[in-house]
Protein backbone atom coordinates (compact mmCIF):
# COMPACT_ATOMS: atom_id res chain seq x y z
CA MET A 1 104.64 121.07 83.49
CA ALA A 2 102.37 118.40 82.21
CA ASP A 3 100.19 118.03 79.15
CA LEU A 4 96.21 118.13 79.04
CA VAL A 5 95.87 114.33 79.85
CA GLU A 6 98.52 114.15 82.42
CA THR A 7 97.22 117.25 84.22
CA ALA A 8 93.68 115.81 84.29
CA ILE A 9 94.86 112.39 85.64
CA ASN A 10 97.07 114.13 88.22
CA ALA A 11 93.92 116.16 89.14
CA GLY A 12 92.14 113.00 90.60
CA ASN A 13 88.68 114.88 89.83
CA PHE A 14 88.64 113.78 85.90
CA ASN A 15 89.08 109.98 86.34
CA THR A 16 85.67 109.45 84.10
CA LEU A 17 86.97 112.06 81.52
CA VAL A 18 90.02 110.18 81.14
CA LYS A 19 88.68 106.94 81.19
CA ALA A 20 86.06 108.26 78.08
CA VAL A 21 89.29 110.07 76.15
CA GLU A 22 91.07 106.78 76.46
CA ALA A 23 87.82 105.02 75.03
CA ALA A 24 87.41 107.56 72.30
CA GLU A 25 91.09 107.40 71.32
CA LEU A 26 91.52 111.02 71.82
CA VAL A 27 94.40 110.85 74.13
CA GLU A 28 96.85 111.65 70.98
CA ILE A 29 95.14 114.58 70.02
CA LEU A 30 94.93 116.18 73.70
CA LYS A 31 98.57 115.38 74.48
CA SER A 32 99.71 116.85 71.03
CA PRO A 33 101.50 120.43 70.65
CA GLY A 34 99.47 123.16 70.03
CA SER A 35 96.95 125.08 72.25
CA TYR A 36 93.56 123.68 73.19
CA THR A 37 90.89 124.71 75.60
CA VAL A 38 89.21 121.74 77.27
CA PHE A 39 85.91 122.28 79.44
CA ALA A 40 86.36 119.20 81.73
CA PRO A 41 83.24 117.73 83.54
CA THR A 42 84.21 116.72 86.95
CA ASP A 43 83.23 112.77 87.69
CA ASP A 44 80.40 114.30 89.28
CA ALA A 45 79.57 115.95 86.42
CA PHE A 46 79.29 112.35 84.69
CA ASN A 47 77.62 110.90 87.81
CA ASN A 48 74.79 113.17 86.96
CA LEU A 49 73.91 112.06 83.62
CA PRO A 50 70.76 109.68 83.46
CA PRO A 51 71.60 106.30 84.77
CA GLY A 52 73.24 103.88 82.01
CA THR A 53 74.22 106.93 79.71
CA LEU A 54 77.83 106.80 80.25
CA ASP A 55 77.98 102.93 79.85
CA SER A 56 75.87 103.31 76.54
CA LEU A 57 78.54 106.12 75.31
CA LEU A 58 81.48 103.89 76.03
CA GLN A 59 79.41 101.47 73.58
CA ASP A 60 79.05 103.85 71.05
CA ILE A 61 82.58 105.49 70.15
CA PRO A 62 81.77 107.34 67.45
CA LYS A 63 79.03 109.40 69.72
CA LEU A 64 81.67 109.25 72.36
CA LYS A 65 84.07 111.12 70.28
CA LYS A 66 81.51 113.41 69.27
CA ILE A 67 80.80 114.40 72.55
CA LEU A 68 84.09 114.91 74.00
CA MET A 69 85.41 116.64 71.09
CA TYR A 70 82.27 119.30 71.95
CA HIS A 71 84.01 119.83 75.08
CA VAL A 72 87.75 121.23 73.45
CA ALA A 73 87.91 124.63 72.06
CA TYR A 74 90.71 125.50 69.90
CA GLY A 75 93.42 128.00 71.18
CA ASP A 76 94.51 128.94 74.86
CA VAL A 77 91.14 130.73 76.04
CA ARG A 78 91.76 131.78 79.45
CA SER A 79 89.65 133.36 81.96
CA ASP A 80 90.06 136.63 80.73
CA ASP A 81 89.05 135.53 77.31
CA LEU A 82 86.15 133.75 78.34
CA ILE A 83 84.68 136.91 79.99
CA GLN A 84 85.15 138.94 76.64
CA ILE A 85 83.74 136.21 74.21
CA ASP A 86 80.05 134.48 73.78
CA HIS A 87 81.00 131.58 72.22
CA ALA A 88 83.90 129.41 71.33
CA GLU A 89 84.31 126.81 68.30
CA THR A 90 84.68 123.09 69.19
CA LEU A 91 87.02 120.42 67.69
CA GLU A 92 83.75 118.74 67.29
CA GLY A 93 82.78 121.52 64.91
CA SER A 94 79.98 123.21 66.28
CA ILE A 95 79.84 126.06 68.95
CA VAL A 96 79.50 126.16 72.46
CA ALA A 97 77.78 129.42 73.87
CA ILE A 98 79.70 131.22 76.56
CA ASP A 99 78.26 133.24 79.27
CA SER A 100 79.62 135.86 81.85
CA ALA A 101 77.63 137.71 84.66
CA ASP A 102 78.10 138.64 88.22
CA GLY A 103 81.84 136.96 88.03
CA LYS A 104 80.31 133.59 86.83
CA VAL A 105 80.95 131.79 83.53
CA LYS A 106 78.62 129.30 82.20
CA VAL A 107 79.47 127.12 79.37
CA ASN A 108 76.19 126.27 77.86
CA ASP A 109 74.09 125.37 80.60
CA ALA A 110 77.32 123.95 82.71
CA ASN A 111 78.74 126.39 85.71
CA VAL A 112 82.59 127.00 85.34
CA LEU A 113 83.66 125.85 88.58
CA LYS A 114 87.48 126.65 88.43
CA THR A 115 89.38 128.27 85.36
CA ASP A 116 92.79 128.63 84.15
CA ILE A 117 94.72 125.01 85.03
CA ILE A 118 97.36 125.80 82.51
CA THR A 119 99.10 122.81 80.71
CA ASP A 120 102.02 122.38 78.20
CA ASN A 121 99.47 122.46 75.39
CA GLY A 122 96.91 124.25 76.70
CA VAL A 123 94.32 125.44 79.49
CA ILE A 124 91.45 123.34 81.51
CA HIS A 125 88.26 125.01 82.69
CA VAL A 126 86.31 122.61 85.21
CA ILE A 127 82.57 122.44 84.67
CA ASP A 128 79.82 120.72 86.50
CA ALA A 129 77.98 119.22 83.76
CA VAL A 130 78.73 117.03 80.37
CA LEU A 131 77.90 119.32 77.43
CA MET A 132 75.76 117.61 74.76
CA PRO A 133 76.09 118.79 71.00
CA ALA A 134 72.58 119.39 69.55
CA MET A 135 73.04 116.38 67.01
CA VAL A 136 73.72 114.05 69.80
CA ALA A 137 71.40 115.85 72.50
CA GLY A 138 68.34 115.58 69.80
CA LYS A 139 68.85 111.50 69.70
């Protein structure tokens, strides 16, 4: 089995996320032992950001790092857990809202497209939007 970063690379639809993680120097954290849950936006999710947003973030590493860390929760939170909780604490320091209804799960306003991609050091849930922490979204 591979770690979170290798799994994202091998999946093929997280190229933008992997590029951003490398730019923000978060590869080390996401390869470290321990358990993390990554809410991983697809390449399409990044493409749906307003024009120029991604380029601007790649130039503002502290802001990019905050946004990426907002997509990572502590622990191994599987789909069974997701439907029982209403929030998760992120590495960024704030929480994301988890909402499940009618067999669908949302993280803030993002839909979870696929759950439980198991890795050596955690789990990946695929989401259809890039999550923005309040302190970044307000700017």
